[in-house]
Full PDB file with SEQRES, HELIX, SHEET, SSBOND, CRYST1, ORIGX, SCALE, CONECT and MASTER records, all heavy atoms in Angstrom:
SEQRES   1 A   38  GLU LYS GLN ILE LEU GLU LYS ASN TYR ARG LEU ARG ASP          
SEQRES   2 A   38  LEU LEU THR GLU SER ASN VAL PHE TYR LEU GLU GLU ASN          
SEQRES   3 A   38  SER LEU GLY GLU LEU LYS SER CYS LEU ILE ASN ILE              
HELIX    1 AA1 LYS A    2  LEU A    5  1                                   4    
HELIX    2 AA2 LEU A   11  LEU A   14  1                                   4    
HELIX    3 AA3 LEU A   15  GLU A   17  5                                   3    
HELIX    4 AA4 GLU A   25  LEU A   35  5                                  11    
CRYST1    1.000    1.000    1.000  90.00  90.00  90.00 P 1           1          
ORIGX1      1.000000  0.000000  0.000000        0.00000                         
ORIGX2      0.000000  1.000000  0.000000        0.00000                         
ORIGX3      0.000000  0.000000  1.000000        0.00000                         
SCALE1      1.000000  0.000000  0.000000        0.00000                         
SCALE2      0.000000  1.000000  0.000000        0.00000                         
SCALE3      0.000000  0.000000  1.000000        0.00000                         
ATOM      1  N   GLU A   1     -60.118  63.428 -82.411  1.00  0.00           N  
ATOM      2  CA  GLU A   1     -60.392  64.795 -82.850  1.00  0.00           C  
ATOM      3  C   GLU A   1     -60.482  64.868 -84.371  1.00  0.00           C  
ATOM      4  O   GLU A   1     -61.341  65.569 -84.918  1.00  0.00           O  
ATOM      5  CB  GLU A   1     -59.302  65.729 -82.323  1.00  0.00           C  
ATOM      6  CG  GLU A   1     -59.328  65.892 -80.815  1.00  0.00           C  
ATOM      7  CD  GLU A   1     -58.149  66.682 -80.289  1.00  0.00           C  
ATOM      8  OE1 GLU A   1     -57.086  66.657 -80.949  1.00  0.00           O  
ATOM      9  OE2 GLU A   1     -58.291  67.327 -79.237  1.00  0.00           O  
ATOM     10  N   LYS A   2     -59.606  64.159 -85.047  1.00  0.00           N  
ATOM     11  CA  LYS A   2     -59.620  64.142 -86.514  1.00  0.00           C  
ATOM     12  C   LYS A   2     -60.930  63.555 -87.018  1.00  0.00           C  
ATOM     13  O   LYS A   2     -61.549  64.086 -87.946  1.00  0.00           O  
ATOM     14  CB  LYS A   2     -58.438  63.324 -87.027  1.00  0.00           C  
ATOM     15  CG  LYS A   2     -58.413  63.087 -88.543  1.00  0.00           C  
ATOM     16  CD  LYS A   2     -57.160  62.304 -88.921  1.00  0.00           C  
ATOM     17  CE  LYS A   2     -57.121  61.958 -90.411  1.00  0.00           C  
ATOM     18  NZ  LYS A   2     -58.132  60.929 -90.737  1.00  0.00           N  
ATOM     19  N   GLN A   3     -61.372  62.475 -86.394  1.00  0.00           N  
ATOM     20  CA  GLN A   3     -62.591  61.819 -86.848  1.00  0.00           C  
ATOM     21  C   GLN A   3     -63.816  62.692 -86.587  1.00  0.00           C  
ATOM     22  O   GLN A   3     -64.742  62.732 -87.403  1.00  0.00           O  
ATOM     23  CB  GLN A   3     -62.728  60.458 -86.151  1.00  0.00           C  
ATOM     24  CG  GLN A   3     -63.751  59.541 -86.802  1.00  0.00           C  
ATOM     25  CD  GLN A   3     -63.615  58.111 -86.331  1.00  0.00           C  
ATOM     26  OE1 GLN A   3     -62.533  57.527 -86.356  1.00  0.00           O  
ATOM     27  NE2 GLN A   3     -64.725  57.532 -85.880  1.00  0.00           N  
ATOM     28  N   ILE A   4     -63.826  63.395 -85.461  1.00  0.00           N  
ATOM     29  CA  ILE A   4     -64.946  64.299 -85.158  1.00  0.00           C  
ATOM     30  C   ILE A   4     -64.999  65.436 -86.170  1.00  0.00           C  
ATOM     31  O   ILE A   4     -66.075  65.831 -86.638  1.00  0.00           O  
ATOM     32  CB  ILE A   4     -64.836  64.836 -83.718  1.00  0.00           C  
ATOM     33  CG1 ILE A   4     -65.119  63.701 -82.714  1.00  0.00           C  
ATOM     34  CG2 ILE A   4     -65.819  65.981 -83.491  1.00  0.00           C  
ATOM     35  CD1 ILE A   4     -64.928  64.098 -81.266  1.00  0.00           C  
ATOM     36  N   LEU A   5     -63.845  65.973 -86.534  1.00  0.00           N  
ATOM     37  CA  LEU A   5     -63.805  67.029 -87.543  1.00  0.00           C  
ATOM     38  C   LEU A   5     -64.355  66.540 -88.880  1.00  0.00           C  
ATOM     39  O   LEU A   5     -64.968  67.309 -89.628  1.00  0.00           O  
ATOM     40  CB  LEU A   5     -62.375  67.533 -87.726  1.00  0.00           C  
ATOM     41  CG  LEU A   5     -61.823  68.430 -86.618  1.00  0.00           C  
ATOM     42  CD1 LEU A   5     -60.353  68.727 -86.856  1.00  0.00           C  
ATOM     43  CD2 LEU A   5     -62.621  69.728 -86.538  1.00  0.00           C  
ATOM     44  N   GLU A   6     -64.150  65.259 -89.151  1.00  0.00           N  
ATOM     45  CA  GLU A   6     -64.671  64.670 -90.385  1.00  0.00           C  
ATOM     46  C   GLU A   6     -66.138  64.262 -90.259  1.00  0.00           C  
ATOM     47  O   GLU A   6     -66.715  63.726 -91.195  1.00  0.00           O  
ATOM     48  CB  GLU A   6     -63.832  63.449 -90.761  1.00  0.00           C  
ATOM     49  CG  GLU A   6     -62.385  63.799 -91.119  1.00  0.00           C  
ATOM     50  CD  GLU A   6     -61.495  62.572 -91.244  1.00  0.00           C  
ATOM     51  OE1 GLU A   6     -61.934  61.464 -90.842  1.00  0.00           O  
ATOM     52  OE2 GLU A   6     -60.360  62.715 -91.731  1.00  0.00           O  
ATOM     53  N   LYS A   7     -66.729  64.516 -89.076  1.00  0.00           N  
ATOM     54  CA  LYS A   7     -68.127  64.179 -88.790  1.00  0.00           C  
ATOM     55  C   LYS A   7     -68.405  62.679 -88.919  1.00  0.00           C  
ATOM     56  O   LYS A   7     -69.492  62.256 -89.319  1.00  0.00           O  
ATOM     57  CB  LYS A   7     -69.077  64.988 -89.677  1.00  0.00           C  
ATOM     58  CG  LYS A   7     -68.964  66.502 -89.484  1.00  0.00           C  
ATOM     59  CD  LYS A   7     -70.023  67.248 -90.248  1.00  0.00           C  
ATOM     60  CE  LYS A   7     -69.829  68.753 -90.133  1.00  0.00           C  
ATOM     61  NZ  LYS A   7     -69.836  69.220 -88.725  1.00  0.00           N  
ATOM     62  N   ASN A   8     -67.402  61.903 -88.579  1.00  0.00           N  
ATOM     63  CA  ASN A   8     -67.558  60.453 -88.521  1.00  0.00           C  
ATOM     64  C   ASN A   8     -67.541  60.063 -87.045  1.00  0.00           C  
ATOM     65  O   ASN A   8     -66.500  60.108 -86.402  1.00  0.00           O  
ATOM     66  CB  ASN A   8     -66.422  59.760 -89.276  1.00  0.00           C  
ATOM     67  CG  ASN A   8     -66.522  58.231 -89.191  1.00  0.00           C  
ATOM     68  OD1 ASN A   8     -67.449  57.683 -88.597  1.00  0.00           O  
ATOM     69  ND2 ASN A   8     -65.556  57.548 -89.778  1.00  0.00           N  
ATOM     70  N   TYR A   9     -68.674  59.692 -86.515  1.00  0.00           N  
ATOM     71  CA  TYR A   9     -68.800  59.463 -85.085  1.00  0.00           C  
ATOM     72  C   TYR A   9     -68.853  57.980 -84.717  1.00  0.00           C  
ATOM     73  O   TYR A   9     -69.188  57.640 -83.585  1.00  0.00           O  
ATOM     74  CB  TYR A   9     -70.057  60.170 -84.571  1.00  0.00           C  
ATOM     75  CG  TYR A   9     -70.119  61.633 -84.959  1.00  0.00           C  
ATOM     76  CD1 TYR A   9     -71.264  62.174 -85.538  1.00  0.00           C  
ATOM     77  CD2 TYR A   9     -69.018  62.472 -84.778  1.00  0.00           C  
ATOM     78  CE1 TYR A   9     -71.322  63.510 -85.908  1.00  0.00           C  
ATOM     79  CE2 TYR A   9     -69.064  63.811 -85.150  1.00  0.00           C  
ATOM     80  CZ  TYR A   9     -70.216  64.320 -85.712  1.00  0.00           C  
ATOM     81  OH  TYR A   9     -70.265  65.647 -86.084  1.00  0.00           O  
ATOM     82  N   ARG A  10     -68.504  57.119 -85.648  1.00  0.00           N  
ATOM     83  CA  ARG A  10     -68.518  55.683 -85.391  1.00  0.00           C  
ATOM     84  C   ARG A  10     -67.257  55.279 -84.615  1.00  0.00           C  
ATOM     85  O   ARG A  10     -66.136  55.392 -85.136  1.00  0.00           O  
ATOM     86  CB  ARG A  10     -68.598  54.896 -86.696  1.00  0.00           C  
ATOM     87  CG  ARG A  10     -69.962  54.917 -87.347  1.00  0.00           C  
ATOM     88  CD  ARG A  10     -69.914  54.284 -88.731  1.00  0.00           C  
ATOM     89  NE  ARG A  10     -69.323  52.949 -88.677  1.00  0.00           N  
ATOM     90  CZ  ARG A  10     -70.006  51.836 -88.440  1.00  0.00           C  
ATOM     91  NH1 ARG A  10     -71.304  51.891 -88.209  1.00  0.00           N  
ATOM     92  NH2 ARG A  10     -69.394  50.661 -88.433  1.00  0.00           N  
ATOM     93  N   LEU A  11     -67.447  54.807 -83.397  1.00  0.00           N  
ATOM     94  CA  LEU A  11     -66.315  54.403 -82.571  1.00  0.00           C  
ATOM     95  C   LEU A  11     -65.569  53.241 -83.205  1.00  0.00           C  
ATOM     96  O   LEU A  11     -64.332  53.154 -83.120  1.00  0.00           O  
ATOM     97  CB  LEU A  11     -66.821  54.025 -81.173  1.00  0.00           C  
ATOM     98  CG  LEU A  11     -65.762  53.753 -80.100  1.00  0.00           C  
ATOM     99  CD1 LEU A  11     -64.786  54.909 -79.971  1.00  0.00           C  
ATOM    100  CD2 LEU A  11     -66.429  53.471 -78.763  1.00  0.00           C  
ATOM    101  N   ARG A  12     -66.270  52.355 -83.863  1.00  0.00           N  
ATOM    102  CA  ARG A  12     -65.635  51.214 -84.518  1.00  0.00           C  
ATOM    103  C   ARG A  12     -64.637  51.674 -85.586  1.00  0.00           C  
ATOM    104  O   ARG A  12     -63.570  51.084 -85.762  1.00  0.00           O  
ATOM    105  CB  ARG A  12     -66.710  50.313 -85.133  1.00  0.00           C  
ATOM    106  CG  ARG A  12     -66.191  49.103 -85.903  1.00  0.00           C  
ATOM    107  CD  ARG A  12     -65.572  48.066 -84.978  1.00  0.00           C  
ATOM    108  NE  ARG A  12     -65.109  46.914 -85.731  1.00  0.00           N  
ATOM    109  CZ  ARG A  12     -65.779  45.778 -85.846  1.00  0.00           C  
ATOM    110  NH1 ARG A  12     -66.956  45.636 -85.271  1.00  0.00           N  
ATOM    111  NH2 ARG A  12     -65.275  44.765 -86.512  1.00  0.00           N  
ATOM    112  N   ASP A  13     -64.968  52.754 -86.317  1.00  0.00           N  
ATOM    113  CA  ASP A  13     -64.077  53.244 -87.357  1.00  0.00           C  
ATOM    114  C   ASP A  13     -62.762  53.769 -86.782  1.00  0.00           C  
ATOM    115  O   ASP A  13     -61.738  53.756 -87.469  1.00  0.00           O  
ATOM    116  CB  ASP A  13     -64.760  54.345 -88.168  1.00  0.00           C  
ATOM    117  CG  ASP A  13     -65.866  53.808 -89.058  1.00  0.00           C  
ATOM    118  OD1 ASP A  13     -66.004  52.574 -89.160  1.00  0.00           O  
ATOM    119  OD2 ASP A  13     -66.608  54.625 -89.637  1.00  0.00           O  
ATOM    120  N   LEU A  14     -62.793  54.221 -85.544  1.00  0.00           N  
ATOM    121  CA  LEU A  14     -61.578  54.721 -84.905  1.00  0.00           C  
ATOM    122  C   LEU A  14     -60.511  53.639 -84.816  1.00  0.00           C  
ATOM    123  O   LEU A  14     -59.308  53.925 -84.907  1.00  0.00           O  
ATOM    124  CB  LEU A  14     -61.916  55.237 -83.497  1.00  0.00           C  
ATOM    125  CG  LEU A  14     -60.766  55.779 -82.653  1.00  0.00           C  
ATOM    126  CD1 LEU A  14     -60.233  57.088 -83.239  1.00  0.00           C  
ATOM    127  CD2 LEU A  14     -61.226  55.993 -81.212  1.00  0.00           C  
ATOM    128  N   LEU A  15     -60.924  52.398 -84.676  1.00  0.00           N  
ATOM    129  CA  LEU A  15     -59.995  51.299 -84.465  1.00  0.00           C  
ATOM    130  C   LEU A  15     -59.175  50.985 -85.703  1.00  0.00           C  
ATOM    131  O   LEU A  15     -58.087  50.414 -85.601  1.00  0.00           O  
ATOM    132  CB  LEU A  15     -60.753  50.052 -84.020  1.00  0.00           C  
ATOM    133  CG  LEU A  15     -61.687  50.230 -82.814  1.00  0.00           C  
ATOM    134  CD1 LEU A  15     -62.353  48.906 -82.486  1.00  0.00           C  
ATOM    135  CD2 LEU A  15     -60.949  50.803 -81.619  1.00  0.00           C  
ATOM    136  N   THR A  16     -59.663  51.353 -86.871  1.00  0.00           N  
ATOM    137  CA  THR A  16     -58.944  51.024 -88.096  1.00  0.00           C  
ATOM    138  C   THR A  16     -57.667  51.833 -88.247  1.00  0.00           C  
ATOM    139  O   THR A  16     -56.796  51.466 -89.030  1.00  0.00           O  
ATOM    140  CB  THR A  16     -59.835  51.257 -89.334  1.00  0.00           C  
ATOM    141  OG1 THR A  16     -60.152  52.653 -89.444  1.00  0.00           O  
ATOM    142  CG2 THR A  16     -61.118  50.454 -89.228  1.00  0.00           C  
ATOM    143  N   GLU A  17     -57.534  52.923 -87.506  1.00  0.00           N  
ATOM    144  CA  GLU A  17     -56.335  53.742 -87.572  1.00  0.00           C  
ATOM    145  C   GLU A  17     -55.534  53.693 -86.282  1.00  0.00           C  
ATOM    146  O   GLU A  17     -54.600  54.478 -86.099  1.00  0.00           O  
ATOM    147  CB  GLU A  17     -56.697  55.194 -87.897  1.00  0.00           C  
ATOM    148  CG  GLU A  17     -57.305  55.396 -89.262  1.00  0.00           C  
ATOM    149  CD  GLU A  17     -57.367  56.868 -89.636  1.00  0.00           C  
ATOM    150  OE1 GLU A  17     -56.333  57.554 -89.508  1.00  0.00           O  
ATOM    151  OE2 GLU A  17     -58.445  57.329 -90.033  1.00  0.00           O  
ATOM    152  N   SER A  18     -55.876  52.798 -85.379  1.00  0.00           N  
ATOM    153  CA  SER A  18     -55.281  52.780 -84.048  1.00  0.00           C  
ATOM    154  C   SER A  18     -54.453  51.525 -83.808  1.00  0.00           C  
ATOM    155  O   SER A  18     -54.656  50.496 -84.452  1.00  0.00           O  
ATOM    156  CB  SER A  18     -56.394  52.846 -82.987  1.00  0.00           C  
ATOM    157  OG  SER A  18     -57.240  53.948 -83.204  1.00  0.00           O  
ATOM    158  N   ASN A  19     -53.531  51.610 -82.867  1.00  0.00           N  
ATOM    159  CA  ASN A  19     -52.787  50.449 -82.375  1.00  0.00           C  
ATOM    160  C   ASN A  19     -53.603  49.812 -81.250  1.00  0.00           C  
ATOM    161  O   ASN A  19     -53.779  50.426 -80.200  1.00  0.00           O  
ATOM    162  CB  ASN A  19     -51.420  50.866 -81.839  1.00  0.00           C  
ATOM    163  CG  ASN A  19     -50.559  51.511 -82.910  1.00  0.00           C  
ATOM    164  OD1 ASN A  19     -50.666  51.179 -84.079  1.00  0.00           O  
ATOM    165  ND2 ASN A  19     -49.710  52.443 -82.508  1.00  0.00           N  
ATOM    166  N   VAL A  20     -54.097  48.619 -81.469  1.00  0.00           N  
ATOM    167  CA  VAL A  20     -55.057  48.023 -80.541  1.00  0.00           C  
ATOM    168  C   VAL A  20     -54.620  46.631 -80.101  1.00  0.00           C  
ATOM    169  O   VAL A  20     -54.198  45.817 -80.929  1.00  0.00           O  
ATOM    170  CB  VAL A  20     -56.454  47.924 -81.194  1.00  0.00           C  
ATOM    171  CG1 VAL A  20     -57.479  47.371 -80.194  1.00  0.00           C  
ATOM    172  CG2 VAL A  20     -56.911  49.284 -81.706  1.00  0.00           C  
ATOM    173  N   PHE A  21     -54.721  46.357 -78.794  1.00  0.00           N  
ATOM    174  CA  PHE A  21     -54.657  44.999 -78.281  1.00  0.00           C  
ATOM    175  C   PHE A  21     -56.064  44.424 -78.340  1.00  0.00           C  
ATOM    176  O   PHE A  21     -57.013  45.066 -77.904  1.00  0.00           O  
ATOM    177  CB  PHE A  21     -54.229  44.973 -76.808  1.00  0.00           C  
ATOM    178  CG  PHE A  21     -52.767  45.139 -76.560  1.00  0.00           C  
ATOM    179  CD1 PHE A  21     -52.302  46.303 -75.965  1.00  0.00           C  
ATOM    180  CD2 PHE A  21     -51.859  44.150 -76.871  1.00  0.00           C  
ATOM    181  CE1 PHE A  21     -50.959  46.463 -75.697  1.00  0.00           C  
ATOM    182  CE2 PHE A  21     -50.516  44.308 -76.607  1.00  0.00           C  
ATOM    183  CZ  PHE A  21     -50.062  45.466 -76.016  1.00  0.00           C  
ATOM    184  N   TYR A  22     -56.208  43.200 -78.864  1.00  0.00           N  
ATOM    185  CA  TYR A  22     -57.491  42.516 -78.810  1.00  0.00           C  
ATOM    186  C   TYR A  22     -57.379  41.312 -77.888  1.00  0.00           C  
ATOM    187  O   TYR A  22     -56.546  40.437 -78.106  1.00  0.00           O  
ATOM    188  CB  TYR A  22     -57.934  42.074 -80.208  1.00  0.00           C  
ATOM    189  CG  TYR A  22     -58.432  43.212 -81.045  1.00  0.00           C  
ATOM    190  CD1 TYR A  22     -57.712  43.663 -82.146  1.00  0.00           C  
ATOM    191  CD2 TYR A  22     -59.623  43.846 -80.717  1.00  0.00           C  
ATOM    192  CE1 TYR A  22     -58.166  44.718 -82.907  1.00  0.00           C  
ATOM    193  CE2 TYR A  22     -60.076  44.901 -81.484  1.00  0.00           C  
ATOM    194  CZ  TYR A  22     -59.345  45.339 -82.566  1.00  0.00           C  
ATOM    195  OH  TYR A  22     -59.801  46.392 -83.315  1.00  0.00           O  
ATOM    196  N   LEU A  23     -58.209  41.304 -76.871  1.00  0.00           N  
ATOM    197  CA  LEU A  23     -58.284  40.192 -75.932  1.00  0.00           C  
ATOM    198  C   LEU A  23     -59.457  39.316 -76.338  1.00  0.00           C  
ATOM    199  O   LEU A  23     -60.588  39.788 -76.436  1.00  0.00           O  
ATOM    200  CB  LEU A  23     -58.483  40.723 -74.512  1.00  0.00           C  
ATOM    201  CG  LEU A  23     -58.701  39.695 -73.406  1.00  0.00           C  
ATOM    202  CD1 LEU A  23     -57.470  38.807 -73.259  1.00  0.00           C  
ATOM    203  CD2 LEU A  23     -59.013  40.398 -72.091  1.00  0.00           C  
ATOM    204  N   GLU A  24     -59.187  38.045 -76.602  1.00  0.00           N  
ATOM    205  CA  GLU A  24     -60.252  37.147 -77.042  1.00  0.00           C  
ATOM    206  C   GLU A  24     -61.218  36.851 -75.892  1.00  0.00           C  
ATOM    207  O   GLU A  24     -60.813  36.522 -74.780  1.00  0.00           O  
ATOM    208  CB  GLU A  24     -59.652  35.848 -77.582  1.00  0.00           C  
ATOM    209  CG  GLU A  24     -58.726  36.040 -78.780  1.00  0.00           C  
ATOM    210  CD  GLU A  24     -59.396  36.748 -79.948  1.00  0.00           C  
ATOM    211  OE1 GLU A  24     -60.630  36.602 -80.107  1.00  0.00           O  
ATOM    212  OE2 GLU A  24     -58.692  37.457 -80.687  1.00  0.00           O  
ATOM    213  N   GLU A  25     -62.498  36.966 -76.175  1.00  0.00           N  
ATOM    214  CA  GLU A  25     -63.530  36.810 -75.149  1.00  0.00           C  
ATOM    215  C   GLU A  25     -63.451  35.453 -74.457  1.00  0.00           C  
ATOM    216  O   GLU A  25     -63.668  35.347 -73.244  1.00  0.00           O  
ATOM    217  CB  GLU A  25     -64.909  36.996 -75.776  1.00  0.00           C  
ATOM    218  CG  GLU A  25     -66.049  36.927 -74.782  1.00  0.00           C  
ATOM    219  CD  GLU A  25     -67.397  37.030 -75.458  1.00  0.00           C  
ATOM    220  OE1 GLU A  25     -67.508  36.594 -76.626  1.00  0.00           O  
ATOM    221  OE2 GLU A  25     -68.343  37.523 -74.823  1.00  0.00           O  
ATOM    222  N   ASN A  26     -63.125  34.408 -75.202  1.00  0.00           N  
ATOM    223  CA  ASN A  26     -63.086  33.069 -74.623  1.00  0.00           C  
ATOM    224  C   ASN A  26     -62.014  32.913 -73.558  1.00  0.00           C  
ATOM    225  O   ASN A  26     -62.037  31.960 -72.777  1.00  0.00           O  
ATOM    226  CB  ASN A  26     -62.880  32.031 -75.718  1.00  0.00           C  
ATOM    227  CG  ASN A  26     -64.144  31.791 -76.525  1.00  0.00           C  
ATOM    228  OD1 ASN A  26     -65.241  32.120 -76.079  1.00  0.00           O  
ATOM    229  ND2 ASN A  26     -63.993  31.228 -77.710  1.00  0.00           N  
ATOM    230  N   SER A  27     -61.037  33.826 -73.526  1.00  0.00           N  
ATOM    231  CA  SER A  27     -59.996  33.747 -72.519  1.00  0.00           C  
ATOM    232  C   SER A  27     -60.418  34.342 -71.181  1.00  0.00           C  
ATOM    233  O   SER A  27     -59.693  34.237 -70.198  1.00  0.00           O  
ATOM    234  CB  SER A  27     -58.734  34.465 -73.009  1.00  0.00           C  
ATOM    235  OG  SER A  27     -58.918  35.877 -72.993  1.00  0.00           O  
ATOM    236  N   LEU A  28     -61.607  34.927 -71.123  1.00  0.00           N  
ATOM    237  CA  LEU A  28     -62.036  35.644 -69.922  1.00  0.00           C  
ATOM    238  C   LEU A  28     -62.634  34.742 -68.843  1.00  0.00           C  
ATOM    239  O   LEU A  28     -62.761  35.161 -67.701  1.00  0.00           O  
ATOM    240  CB  LEU A  28     -63.062  36.716 -70.293  1.00  0.00           C  
ATOM    241  CG  LEU A  28     -62.547  37.902 -71.097  1.00  0.00           C  
ATOM    242  CD1 LEU A  28     -63.710  38.777 -71.551  1.00  0.00           C  
ATOM    243  CD2 LEU A  28     -61.554  38.721 -70.282  1.00  0.00           C  
ATOM    244  N   GLY A  29     -63.030  33.532 -69.212  1.00  0.00           N  
ATOM    245  CA  GLY A  29     -63.667  32.663 -68.226  1.00  0.00           C  
ATOM    246  C   GLY A  29     -64.960  33.258 -67.711  1.00  0.00           C  
ATOM    247  O   GLY A  29     -65.787  33.760 -68.472  1.00  0.00           O  
ATOM    248  N   GLU A  30     -65.135  33.241 -66.390  1.00  0.00           N  
ATOM    249  CA  GLU A  30     -66.362  33.754 -65.781  1.00  0.00           C  
ATOM    250  C   GLU A  30     -66.531  35.254 -65.975  1.00  0.00           C  
ATOM    251  O   GLU A  30     -67.647  35.782 -65.858  1.00  0.00           O  
ATOM    252  CB  GLU A  30     -66.384  33.417 -64.287  1.00  0.00           C  
ATOM    253  CG  GLU A  30     -66.479  31.923 -63.992  1.00  0.00           C  
ATOM    254  CD  GLU A  30     -66.523  31.626 -62.508  1.00  0.00           C  
ATOM    255  OE1 GLU A  30     -66.380  32.581 -61.716  1.00  0.00           O  
ATOM    256  OE2 GLU A  30     -66.690  30.447 -62.146  1.00  0.00           O  
ATOM    257  N   LEU A  31     -65.448  35.948 -66.268  1.00  0.00           N  
ATOM    258  CA  LEU A  31     -65.540  37.392 -66.471  1.00  0.00           C  
ATOM    259  C   LEU A  31     -66.328  37.757 -67.723  1.00  0.00           C  
ATOM    260  O   LEU A  31     -66.695  38.918 -67.905  1.00  0.00           O  
ATOM    261  CB  LEU A  31     -64.137  38.006 -66.541  1.00  0.00           C  
ATOM    262  CG  LEU A  31     -63.325  37.997 -65.239  1.00  0.00           C  
ATOM    263  CD1 LEU A  31     -61.927  38.552 -65.484  1.00  0.00           C  
ATOM    264  CD2 LEU A  31     -64.032  38.807 -64.152  1.00  0.00           C  
ATOM    265  N   LYS A  32     -66.595  36.787 -68.586  1.00  0.00           N  
ATOM    266  CA  LYS A  32     -67.389  37.064 -69.784  1.00  0.00           C  
ATOM    267  C   LYS A  32     -68.767  37.619 -69.434  1.00  0.00           C  
ATOM    268  O   LYS A  32     -69.347  38.389 -70.211  1.00  0.00           O  
ATOM    269  CB  LYS A  32     -67.551  35.792 -70.625  1.00  0.00           C  
ATOM    270  CG  LYS A  32     -66.321  35.374 -71.378  1.00  0.00           C  
ATOM    271  CD  LYS A  32     -66.648  34.354 -72.455  1.00  0.00           C  
ATOM    272  CE  LYS A  32     -67.188  33.067 -71.874  1.00  0.00           C  
ATOM    273  NZ  LYS A  32     -67.399  32.035 -72.944  1.00  0.00           N  
ATOM    274  N   SER A  33     -69.292  37.225 -68.285  1.00  0.00           N  
ATOM    275  CA  SER A  33     -70.626  37.690 -67.902  1.00  0.00           C  
ATOM    276  C   SER A  33     -70.677  39.199 -67.714  1.00  0.00           C  
ATOM    277  O   SER A  33     -71.758  39.807 -67.784  1.00  0.00           O  
ATOM    278  CB  SER A  33     -71.088  36.996 -66.619  1.00  0.00           C  
ATOM    279  OG  SER A  33     -70.247  37.345 -65.527  1.00  0.00           O  
ATOM    280  N   CYS A  34     -69.527  39.821 -67.488  1.00  0.00           N  
ATOM    281  CA  CYS A  34     -69.488  41.279 -67.316  1.00  0.00           C  
ATOM    282  C   CYS A  34     -69.887  42.006 -68.591  1.00  0.00           C  
ATOM    283  O   CYS A  34     -70.289  43.171 -68.551  1.00  0.00           O  
ATOM    284  CB  CYS A  34     -68.093  41.728 -66.901  1.00  0.00           C  
ATOM    285  SG  CYS A  34     -67.551  41.124 -65.286  1.00  0.00           S  
ATOM    286  N   LEU A  35     -69.782  41.334 -69.734  1.00  0.00           N  
ATOM    287  CA  LEU A  35     -70.033  41.971 -71.019  1.00  0.00           C  
ATOM    288  C   LEU A  35     -71.504  41.922 -71.429  1.00  0.00           C  
ATOM    289  O   LEU A  35     -71.874  42.468 -72.468  1.00  0.00           O  
ATOM    290  CB  LEU A  35     -69.183  41.302 -72.100  1.00  0.00           C  
ATOM    291  CG  LEU A  35     -67.670  41.446 -71.917  1.00  0.00           C  
ATOM    292  CD1 LEU A  35     -66.935  40.543 -72.892  1.00  0.00           C  
ATOM    293  CD2 LEU A  35     -67.234  42.891 -72.088  1.00  0.00           C  
ATOM    294  N   ILE A  36     -72.343  41.301 -70.618  1.00  0.00           N  
ATOM    295  CA  ILE A  36     -73.769  41.241 -70.937  1.00  0.00           C  
ATOM    296  C   ILE A  36     -74.355  42.648 -70.873  1.00  0.00           C  
ATOM    297  O   ILE A  36     -74.231  43.334 -69.857  1.00  0.00           O  
ATOM    298  CB  ILE A  36     -74.511  40.316 -69.956  1.00  0.00           C  
ATOM    299  CG1 ILE A  36     -74.018  38.876 -70.117  1.00  0.00           C  
ATOM    300  CG2 ILE A  36     -76.019  40.399 -70.167  1.00  0.00           C  
ATOM    301  CD1 ILE A  36     -74.564  37.929 -69.078  1.00  0.00           C  
ATOM    302  N   ASN A  37     -74.970  43.055 -71.965  1.00  0.00           N  
ATOM    303  CA  ASN A  37     -75.586  44.383 -71.962  1.00  0.00           C  
ATOM    304  C   ASN A  37     -77.085  44.278 -72.207  1.00  0.00           C  
ATOM    305  O   ASN A  37     -77.573  43.316 -72.799  1.00  0.00           O  
ATOM    306  CB  ASN A  37     -74.937  45.310 -72.994  1.00  0.00           C  
ATOM    307  CG  ASN A  37     -75.163  44.851 -74.418  1.00  0.00           C  
ATOM    308  OD1 ASN A  37     -75.062  43.672 -74.718  1.00  0.00           O  
ATOM    309  ND2 ASN A  37     -75.472  45.798 -75.291  1.00  0.00           N  
ATOM    310  N   ILE A  38     -77.812  45.269 -71.737  1.00  0.00           N  
ATOM    311  CA  ILE A  38     -79.269  45.275 -71.769  1.00  0.00           C  
ATOM    312  C   ILE A  38     -79.731  46.344 -72.755  1.00  0.00           C  
ATOM    313  O   ILE A  38     -79.469  47.536 -72.561  1.00  0.00           O  
ATOM    314  CB  ILE A  38     -79.848  45.568 -70.368  1.00  0.00           C  
ATOM    315  CG1 ILE A  38     -79.276  44.577 -69.337  1.00  0.00           C  
ATOM    316  CG2 ILE A  38     -81.370  45.508 -70.391  1.00  0.00           C  
ATOM    317  CD1 ILE A  38     -79.544  43.134 -69.640  1.00  0.00           C  
TER     318      ILE A  38                                                      
MASTER        0    0    0    4    0    0    0    6  317    1    0    3          
END                                                                             
């Protein structure tokens, strides 16, 4: 809500102020194929 009020709509920018778990892609095995986007 704060970011929208500031008219900053970049989802990536939201992460700089958030508590985030990062899961490394290489740990996914065959599940990596789920991330293919068109």
